Amino acid sequence: MTGPHPSSLRLRPGVAARLRAPQARRGLAMHPGAWWLWALGLATAASRTTNPLLLMLLCAVAGYVVAARRTDAPWARSYGAFLKLGLAVLVIRLVFAFFLGSPIPGSLVLVTLPEVPLPDWAQGVRIGGRVTAEGLVFALYDGLRLATLLICVGAANALANPARLLKSLPGALYEAGVAAVVAMTFAPNLVADVQRLRAARRLRGRNDKGIRALLQVGLPVLEGALERSVALAAAMDARGYGRSAEVPRTVRRTTTCLTLGGLLGVCAGSYALLASQGAAYGLPLLLGGVALALAGLRLGGRRSVRTRYRPERWGARAWLVSGAGAAVGAVMVAAGGAFPGALHPPAVPLTAPALPLWPAIGLLLGLLPAFVAPLPVPPSAPPPPSPTPSSTSLSAPEEPAP
């Protein structure tokens, strides 16, 4: 008895075309809010563990998705800067633990530094003294967690279009959103300006490294930032930025109460979820705060008289991307009770961290956006050079041979 022919197991062309990720063109691009929700889910997972193996796996997941789905826009080039910032934070944390000590007692002394005597009012702070392996390991775990949080934020900053994110904000947050978008785009544009000016110095045969080169590059960078600020202010003034409609005083007060109450609920619920023993009441507080904040933003949107041209669509792929981040965060929150020792390996006694299987598999769910999110549009190829008169033949055509 023979099995089915291999050709019958293949997907039909129409089904395969629907499953394949489309290119991120107009109307098919990923919603920027989905990228931020995905990154916040990864950041929540990073805040729930100090296991270096899980944290490095999270960094690898974020880096793979960024490499697979980022574009050539200026804000997409800022991911490398966030990687360097995370590495700098890790090094600074280790340096502080080496010279200022660590609150973790240890028995394995690596080196003993000369201790600087301090006055009585500086009790609890020391400079120098014993440097233990347990204290450095604890500092490594703590610094790696903070570096992973920065990398998750950098991934969202590199994948989400800030201008499209501003279009998606409700009307009540439009003014605050403009300030946030300008602040978020400052660092990517600054990095792009520095890279462009350093490349120009190299082309001119000048040195692009050192303090002197940095000072010579700083003035053009500040000049470019000032020009962008003036252009942005002119564009905002031309578009009637700041106009608002008249609403009753009762509506304004109700909006303020709902928004503030919702933000307080969101902050309290988020803190409870990130704490080690607050998951029971953290989720109801978070959901109630989100509901109150949404109601307040809905009422506050009446003051905005602006309209949206081609509003952003939240499609099925956006649900998959944001759901992947939420699933990663939920897995780590649930694993906190099942694998407490594996998620937080102790520094005393000094033992090698183990990789828990199910939390590691749950972190791999964060790779889903690399396969379902729309593909970035490849840069258009330059047009072929036009033929010059010297390359064209001016001689008469040859006569055919008899």
Protein backbone atom coordinates (compact mmCIF):
# COMPACT_ATOMS: atom_id res chain seq x y z
CA MET A 1 0.00 0.00 0.00
CA THR A 2 1.55 3.30 -1.05
CA GLY A 3 1.22 6.65 0.66
CA PRO A 4 0.05 9.88 -0.89
CA HIS A 5 2.14 11.37 -3.62
CA PRO A 6 4.52 14.11 -2.37
CA SER A 7 2.96 16.59 -4.77
CA SER A 8 -0.42 16.21 -3.07
CA LEU A 9 1.10 17.30 0.29
CA ARG A 10 2.24 20.64 -1.04
CA LEU A 11 0.27 23.76 -0.31
CA ARG A 12 -1.76 25.25 -3.06
CA PRO A 13 -0.27 28.38 -4.61
CA GLY A 14 -3.05 30.58 -3.25
CA VAL A 15 -2.67 29.23 0.31
CA ALA A 16 1.11 29.60 0.21
CA ALA A 17 0.79 33.18 -1.03
CA ARG A 18 -1.54 34.07 1.85
CA LEU A 19 0.81 32.54 4.45
CA ARG A 20 3.89 34.26 3.06
CA ALA A 21 4.70 37.59 4.69
CA PRO A 22 4.00 40.47 2.29
CA GLN A 23 6.23 43.47 1.74
CA ALA A 24 5.65 46.42 4.05
CA ARG A 25 4.19 48.77 1.46
CA ARG A 26 1.40 51.31 1.92
CA GLY A 27 -1.50 49.73 3.76
CA LEU A 28 0.44 46.53 4.61
CA ALA A 29 3.13 47.89 6.96
CA MET A 30 3.17 46.64 10.53
CA HIS A 31 1.43 48.87 13.06
CA PRO A 32 4.13 50.59 15.19
CA GLY A 33 2.17 49.94 18.37
CA ALA A 34 2.50 46.19 17.77
CA TRP A 35 6.29 46.47 17.76
CA TRP A 36 6.24 48.38 21.05
CA LEU A 37 3.90 45.84 22.67
CA TRP A 38 6.18 43.03 21.49
CA ALA A 39 9.24 44.79 22.92
CA LEU A 40 7.48 45.54 26.22
CA GLY A 41 6.60 41.85 26.52
CA LEU A 42 10.26 40.95 26.08
CA ALA A 43 11.25 43.63 28.61
CA THR A 44 8.74 42.20 31.10
CA ALA A 45 10.31 38.78 30.66
CA ALA A 46 13.79 40.26 31.19
CA SER A 47 12.71 41.96 34.41
CA ARG A 48 11.49 38.64 35.85
CA THR A 49 14.84 36.83 35.77
CA THR A 50 18.55 37.24 36.46
CA ASN A 51 19.58 34.01 34.75
CA PRO A 52 22.31 35.05 32.28
CA LEU A 53 21.43 32.23 29.88
CA LEU A 54 17.81 33.36 29.59
CA LEU A 55 18.85 37.01 29.32
CA MET A 56 21.30 36.27 26.51
CA LEU A 57 18.58 34.23 24.78
CA LEU A 58 16.28 37.25 24.99
CA CYS A 59 19.00 39.46 23.46
CA ALA A 60 19.45 36.94 20.66
CA VAL A 61 15.68 36.85 19.98
CA ALA A 62 15.46 40.64 19.82
CA GLY A 63 18.55 40.89 17.63
CA TYR A 64 17.30 38.28 15.17
CA VAL A 65 13.93 39.99 14.75
CA VAL A 66 15.61 43.38 14.25
CA ALA A 67 18.01 41.94 11.67
CA ALA A 68 15.14 40.29 9.80
CA ARG A 69 12.59 43.13 9.80
CA ARG A 70 14.27 46.52 10.18
CA THR A 71 14.45 48.98 7.31
CA ASP A 72 17.12 51.42 6.13
CA ALA A 73 15.46 54.40 7.84
CA PRO A 74 17.54 56.60 10.18
CA TRP A 75 15.75 55.38 13.31
CA ALA A 76 16.48 51.76 12.36
CA ARG A 77 20.22 52.40 12.61
CA SER A 78 20.02 53.21 16.31
CA TYR A 79 19.97 49.56 17.40
CA GLY A 80 23.76 49.38 17.38
CA ALA A 81 23.88 52.42 19.67
CA PHE A 82 21.56 50.69 22.14
CA LEU A 83 23.79 47.60 22.05
CA LYS A 84 26.81 49.73 22.91
CA LEU A 85 24.84 51.49 25.63
CA GLY A 86 23.86 48.14 27.17
CA LEU A 87 27.49 46.97 27.07
CA ALA A 88 28.58 50.23 28.71
CA VAL A 89 25.99 49.78 31.47
CA LEU A 90 27.25 46.26 32.12
CA VAL A 91 30.88 47.39 32.31
CA ILE A 92 30.03 50.31 34.61
CA ARG A 93 28.10 47.99 36.93
CA LEU A 94 31.09 45.65 37.18
CA VAL A 95 33.51 48.54 37.76
CA PHE A 96 31.36 49.89 40.58
CA ALA A 97 31.16 46.45 42.18
CA PHE A 98 34.95 46.08 41.89
CA PHE A 99 35.90 49.40 43.48
CA LEU A 100 32.88 50.17 45.70
CA GLY A 101 32.09 46.66 46.84
CA SER A 102 28.89 44.64 46.68
CA PRO A 103 26.13 44.00 49.24
CA ILE A 104 26.53 40.26 48.64
CA PRO A 105 28.90 38.63 51.14
CA GLY A 106 31.37 36.20 49.66
CA SER A 107 34.12 33.87 50.73
CA LEU A 108 36.11 33.56 47.48
CA VAL A 109 38.36 36.63 47.60
CA LEU A 110 39.89 37.54 44.26
CA VAL A 111 41.91 40.60 45.28
CA THR A 112 42.15 42.97 48.23
CA LEU A 113 42.32 46.67 47.35
CA PRO A 114 43.55 49.43 49.65
CA GLU A 115 40.51 50.70 51.52
CA VAL A 116 39.95 54.46 51.78
CA PRO A 117 38.81 55.57 55.27
CA LEU A 118 35.49 57.44 55.20
CA PRO A 119 33.77 59.58 57.86
CA ASP A 120 31.05 58.27 60.14
CA TRP A 121 28.22 59.85 58.13
CA ALA A 122 29.22 57.67 55.14
CA GLN A 123 28.57 54.38 56.88
CA GLY A 124 27.55 51.62 54.49
CA VAL A 125 29.73 53.00 51.70
CA ARG A 126 33.26 51.83 51.17
CA ILE A 127 35.95 52.41 48.57
CA GLY A 128 38.33 49.51 48.10
CA GLY A 129 38.58 46.47 50.31
CA ARG A 130 37.95 42.86 49.45
CA VAL A 131 36.71 41.96 45.98
CA THR A 132 34.89 38.63 46.00
CA ALA A 133 33.82 36.44 43.12
CA GLU A 134 30.27 36.25 44.50
CA GLY A 135 29.94 40.04 44.47
CA LEU A 136 31.16 40.32 40.87
CA VAL A 137 28.81 37.54 39.74
CA PHE A 138 25.87 39.28 41.40
CA ALA A 139 26.84 42.54 39.68
CA LEU A 140 27.14 40.69 36.36
CA TYR A 141 23.62 39.27 36.68
CA ASP A 142 22.15 42.63 37.68
CA GLY A 143 23.96 44.58 34.94
CA LEU A 144 23.04 42.03 32.28
CA ARG A 145 19.35 42.37 33.16
CA LEU A 146 19.50 46.16 32.79
CA ALA A 147 21.40 45.82 29.50
CA THR A 148 18.73 43.43 28.20
CA LEU A 149 16.00 45.96 29.04
CA LEU A 150 17.87 48.61 27.04
CA ILE A 151 18.24 46.22 24.10
CA CYS A 152 14.49 45.49 24.11
CA VAL A 153 13.73 49.22 24.03
CA GLY A 154 16.30 49.65 21.25
CA ALA A 155 14.61 46.90 19.23
CA ALA A 156 11.26 48.72 19.40
CA ASN A 157 12.96 52.00 18.52
CA ALA A 158 14.57 50.41 15.48
CA LEU A 159 11.45 48.65 14.19
CA ALA A 160 8.62 51.14 14.87
CA ASN A 161 8.22 54.19 12.67
CA PRO A 162 7.90 57.14 15.10
CA ALA A 163 5.92 59.28 12.65
CA ARG A 164 3.36 56.51 12.12
CA LEU A 165 3.26 55.92 15.87
CA LEU A 166 2.33 59.57 16.35
CA LYS A 167 -0.54 59.17 13.87
CA SER A 168 -1.87 56.23 15.90
CA LEU A 169 -2.05 58.10 19.20
CA PRO A 170 -5.47 59.25 20.42
CA GLY A 171 -6.29 62.92 20.15
CA ALA A 172 -5.87 63.56 23.87
CA LEU A 173 -2.20 62.48 23.72
CA TYR A 174 -1.32 64.24 20.49
CA GLU A 175 0.68 67.08 22.08
CA ALA A 176 2.54 64.73 24.43
CA GLY A 177 3.08 62.33 21.55
CA VAL A 178 4.74 65.00 19.45
CA ALA A 179 7.20 65.72 22.26
CA ALA A 180 7.88 62.01 22.77
CA VAL A 181 8.40 61.36 19.06
CA VAL A 182 10.78 64.31 18.75
CA ALA A 183 12.71 62.99 21.75
CA MET A 184 12.83 59.44 20.36
CA THR A 185 14.01 60.54 16.92
CA PHE A 186 16.74 62.80 18.33
CA ALA A 187 19.14 59.95 19.15
CA PRO A 188 18.77 58.09 15.79
CA ASN A 189 19.22 61.30 13.81
CA LEU A 190 22.20 62.23 15.94
CA VAL A 191 23.81 58.84 15.28
CA ALA A 192 23.13 59.16 11.54
CA ASP A 193 24.68 62.66 11.46
CA VAL A 194 27.80 61.50 13.28
CA GLN A 195 28.23 58.54 10.91
CA ARG A 196 27.74 60.76 7.87
CA LEU A 197 30.26 63.36 9.05
CA ARG A 198 32.84 60.74 10.00
CA ALA A 199 32.50 59.14 6.58
CA ALA A 200 32.99 62.57 4.98
CA ARG A 201 36.17 63.11 7.01
CA ARG A 202 37.54 59.75 5.94
CA LEU A 203 36.85 60.56 2.30
CA ARG A 204 38.81 63.79 2.71
CA GLY A 205 41.75 61.91 4.20
CA ARG A 206 41.26 63.26 7.72
CA ASN A 207 41.35 61.36 10.98
CA ASP A 208 37.88 60.50 12.34
CA LYS A 209 38.98 59.18 15.74
CA GLY A 210 40.10 60.94 18.88
CA ILE A 211 38.98 63.90 20.94
CA ARG A 212 40.00 66.46 18.34
CA ALA A 213 37.99 64.77 15.58
CA LEU A 214 34.99 64.49 17.93
CA LEU A 215 35.11 68.20 18.69
CA GLN A 216 35.31 69.07 15.00
CA VAL A 217 32.31 66.82 14.24
CA GLY A 218 30.24 68.17 17.14
CA LEU A 219 29.61 71.64 15.70
CA PRO A 220 28.09 70.41 12.37
CA VAL A 221 25.98 67.91 14.30
CA LEU A 222 24.55 70.66 16.54
CA GLU A 223 23.97 72.85 13.48
CA GLY A 224 22.02 70.06 11.77
CA ALA A 225 19.93 69.50 14.93
CA LEU A 226 19.09 73.22 15.05
CA GLU A 227 18.05 73.25 11.40
CA ARG A 228 15.78 70.24 11.93
CA SER A 229 14.20 71.92 14.97
CA VAL A 230 13.46 75.09 13.01
CA ALA A 231 12.01 73.10 10.11
CA LEU A 232 9.85 71.04 12.50
CA ALA A 233 8.55 74.19 14.19
CA ALA A 234 7.65 75.72 10.83
CA ALA A 235 5.88 72.54 9.72
CA MET A 236 3.90 72.32 12.96
CA ASP A 237 2.87 75.98 12.71
CA ALA A 238 1.78 75.53 9.09
CA ARG A 239 -0.41 72.56 10.05
CA GLY A 240 -2.22 74.42 12.83
CA TYR A 241 -0.57 72.61 15.71
CA GLY A 242 -2.14 73.38 19.10
CA ARG A 243 -5.71 74.12 17.99
CA SER A 244 -8.40 72.67 20.22
CA ALA A 245 -12.18 72.67 20.42
CA GLU A 246 -14.30 74.01 23.28
CA VAL A 247 -15.63 71.35 25.66
CA PRO A 248 -17.71 71.76 28.86
CA ARG A 249 -15.91 72.06 32.18
CA THR A 250 -17.59 68.90 33.51
CA VAL A 251 -16.16 66.87 30.65
CA ARG A 252 -12.69 68.29 31.27
CA ARG A 253 -12.79 67.39 34.96
CA THR A 254 -14.15 63.93 34.28
CA THR A 255 -11.42 63.38 31.70
CA THR A 256 -8.75 64.44 34.18
CA CYS A 257 -10.06 62.16 36.93
CA LEU A 258 -10.36 59.15 34.63
CA THR A 259 -6.94 59.65 33.06
CA LEU A 260 -5.10 60.19 36.35
CA GLY A 261 -6.91 57.29 38.01
CA GLY A 262 -6.16 55.04 35.07
CA LEU A 263 -2.48 55.99 35.04
CA LEU A 264 -2.20 55.34 38.77
CA GLY A 265 -3.84 51.95 38.29
CA VAL A 266 -1.51 51.09 35.43
CA CYS A 267 1.56 52.10 37.45
CA ALA A 268 0.43 50.16 40.54
CA GLY A 269 -0.51 47.10 38.50
CA SER A 270 2.74 47.14 36.53
CA TYR A 271 4.77 47.45 39.72
CA ALA A 272 2.86 44.57 41.27
CA LEU A 273 3.41 42.37 38.21
CA LEU A 274 7.14 43.15 38.16
CA ALA A 275 7.46 42.47 41.89
CA SER A 276 8.10 38.97 43.09
CA GLN A 277 4.87 38.64 45.13
CA GLY A 278 2.28 40.82 43.44
CA ALA A 279 0.91 38.85 40.51
CA ALA A 280 -2.38 38.11 42.36
CA TYR A 281 -3.61 41.71 42.58
CA GLY A 282 -1.37 43.23 39.91
CA LEU A 283 -3.36 42.02 36.91
CA PRO A 284 -6.78 43.33 38.11
CA LEU A 285 -5.20 46.70 38.93
CA LEU A 286 -3.56 46.86 35.53
CA LEU A 287 -6.73 45.97 33.63
CA GLY A 288 -8.84 48.43 35.66
CA GLY A 289 -6.29 51.19 35.11
CA VAL A 290 -6.19 50.52 31.38
CA ALA A 291 -10.00 50.69 31.20
CA LEU A 292 -10.13 54.00 33.09
CA ALA A 293 -7.29 55.48 31.02
CA LEU A 294 -8.97 54.48 27.75
CA ALA A 295 -12.23 56.07 28.88
CA GLY A 296 -10.40 59.27 29.82
CA LEU A 297 -8.54 59.37 26.51
CA ARG A 298 -11.81 58.82 24.68
CA LEU A 299 -13.37 61.83 26.36
CA GLY A 300 -10.20 63.90 26.00
CA GLY A 301 -10.13 63.28 22.27
CA ARG A 302 -13.07 65.65 21.85
CA ARG A 303 -10.70 68.60 22.26
CA SER A 304 -8.71 67.58 19.18
CA VAL A 305 -9.99 68.94 15.88
CA ARG A 306 -7.45 67.19 13.67
CA THR A 307 -8.28 64.40 11.24
CA ARG A 308 -6.28 61.38 10.11
CA TYR A 309 -5.32 60.71 6.52
CA ARG A 310 -4.96 56.99 5.89
CA PRO A 311 -5.25 55.82 9.52
CA GLU A 312 -3.07 52.94 10.64
CA ARG A 313 -4.68 49.51 10.45
CA TRP A 314 -4.38 46.92 13.18
CA GLY A 315 -4.58 43.65 11.26
CA ALA A 316 -4.10 39.98 12.03
CA ARG A 317 -0.31 40.20 11.74
CA ALA A 318 -0.25 43.01 14.31
CA TRP A 319 -2.21 40.77 16.68
CA LEU A 320 0.32 37.97 16.12
CA VAL A 321 3.31 40.26 16.78
CA SER A 322 1.88 41.83 19.92
CA GLY A 323 0.57 38.46 21.09
CA ALA A 324 4.04 36.95 20.73
CA GLY A 325 5.46 39.56 23.10
CA ALA A 326 2.58 39.12 25.54
CA ALA A 327 3.08 35.35 25.47
CA VAL A 328 6.79 35.72 26.26
CA GLY A 329 6.02 37.96 29.24
CA ALA A 330 3.23 35.65 30.46
CA VAL A 331 5.47 32.60 30.26
CA MET A 332 8.12 34.24 32.41
CA VAL A 333 5.55 35.48 34.94
CA ALA A 334 4.10 31.96 35.21
CA ALA A 335 7.57 30.40 35.39
CA GLY A 336 8.41 32.56 38.42
CA GLY A 337 6.42 30.23 40.67
CA ALA A 338 7.43 26.98 38.98
CA PHE A 339 11.18 27.62 38.54
CA PRO A 340 12.19 30.22 41.15
CA GLY A 341 15.70 28.87 41.59
CA ALA A 342 16.40 28.63 37.88
CA LEU A 343 15.12 32.13 37.08
CA HIS A 344 17.17 33.67 39.89
CA PRO A 345 20.37 31.64 40.30
CA PRO A 346 22.03 32.41 43.63
CA ALA A 347 25.43 34.07 43.77
CA VAL A 348 26.06 32.56 47.22
CA PRO A 349 27.05 29.76 47.03
CA LEU A 350 28.72 30.27 43.68
CA THR A 351 27.13 27.81 41.22
CA ALA A 352 26.77 27.64 37.45
CA PRO A 353 23.31 28.78 36.23
CA ALA A 354 21.08 26.15 34.67
CA LEU A 355 18.89 26.66 31.60
CA PRO A 356 15.24 25.81 32.39
CA LEU A 357 13.69 24.10 29.39
CA TRP A 358 10.11 25.42 29.38
CA PRO A 359 10.94 29.09 30.02
CA ALA A 360 13.58 28.91 27.27
CA ILE A 361 11.05 27.46 24.83
CA GLY A 362 8.60 30.20 25.84
CA LEU A 363 11.18 32.87 25.03
CA LEU A 364 11.49 31.47 21.53
CA LEU A 365 7.91 32.59 20.90
CA GLY A 366 9.37 36.05 20.53
CA LEU A 367 10.82 34.97 17.17
CA LEU A 368 7.33 34.87 15.61
CA PRO A 369 7.51 38.47 14.26
CA ALA A 370 10.54 37.50 12.18
CA PHE A 371 8.26 35.24 10.12
CA VAL A 372 4.82 36.89 10.16
CA ALA A 373 5.64 40.60 10.07
CA PRO A 374 5.72 42.23 6.62
CA LEU A 375 9.08 42.21 4.90
CA PRO A 376 10.90 45.55 4.65
CA VAL A 377 10.81 47.07 1.21
CA PRO A 378 14.24 46.65 -0.42
CA PRO A 379 15.95 49.86 -1.49
CA SER A 380 15.26 50.75 -5.09
CA ALA A 381 18.10 49.99 -7.46
CA PRO A 382 19.74 53.00 -9.15
CA PRO A 383 18.66 53.55 -12.74
CA PRO A 384 21.04 52.28 -15.43
CA PRO A 385 23.38 54.93 -16.79
CA SER A 386 22.20 56.57 -19.96
CA PRO A 387 24.37 55.87 -23.00
CA THR A 388 26.80 58.63 -23.83
CA PRO A 389 27.48 59.80 -27.40
CA SER A 390 30.98 58.38 -27.21
CA SER A 391 29.61 54.91 -26.49
CA THR A 392 27.26 54.86 -29.43
CA SER A 393 28.49 53.84 -32.84
CA LEU A 394 28.30 56.58 -35.47
CA SER A 395 29.39 54.41 -38.38
CA ALA A 396 27.01 53.17 -41.04
CA PRO A 397 25.56 49.71 -40.60
CA GLU A 398 27.45 46.92 -42.27
CA GLU A 399 26.01 45.46 -45.39
CA PRO A 400 24.97 41.84 -45.15
CA ALA A 401 27.29 39.36 -46.73
CA PRO A 402 26.13 38.00 -50.05
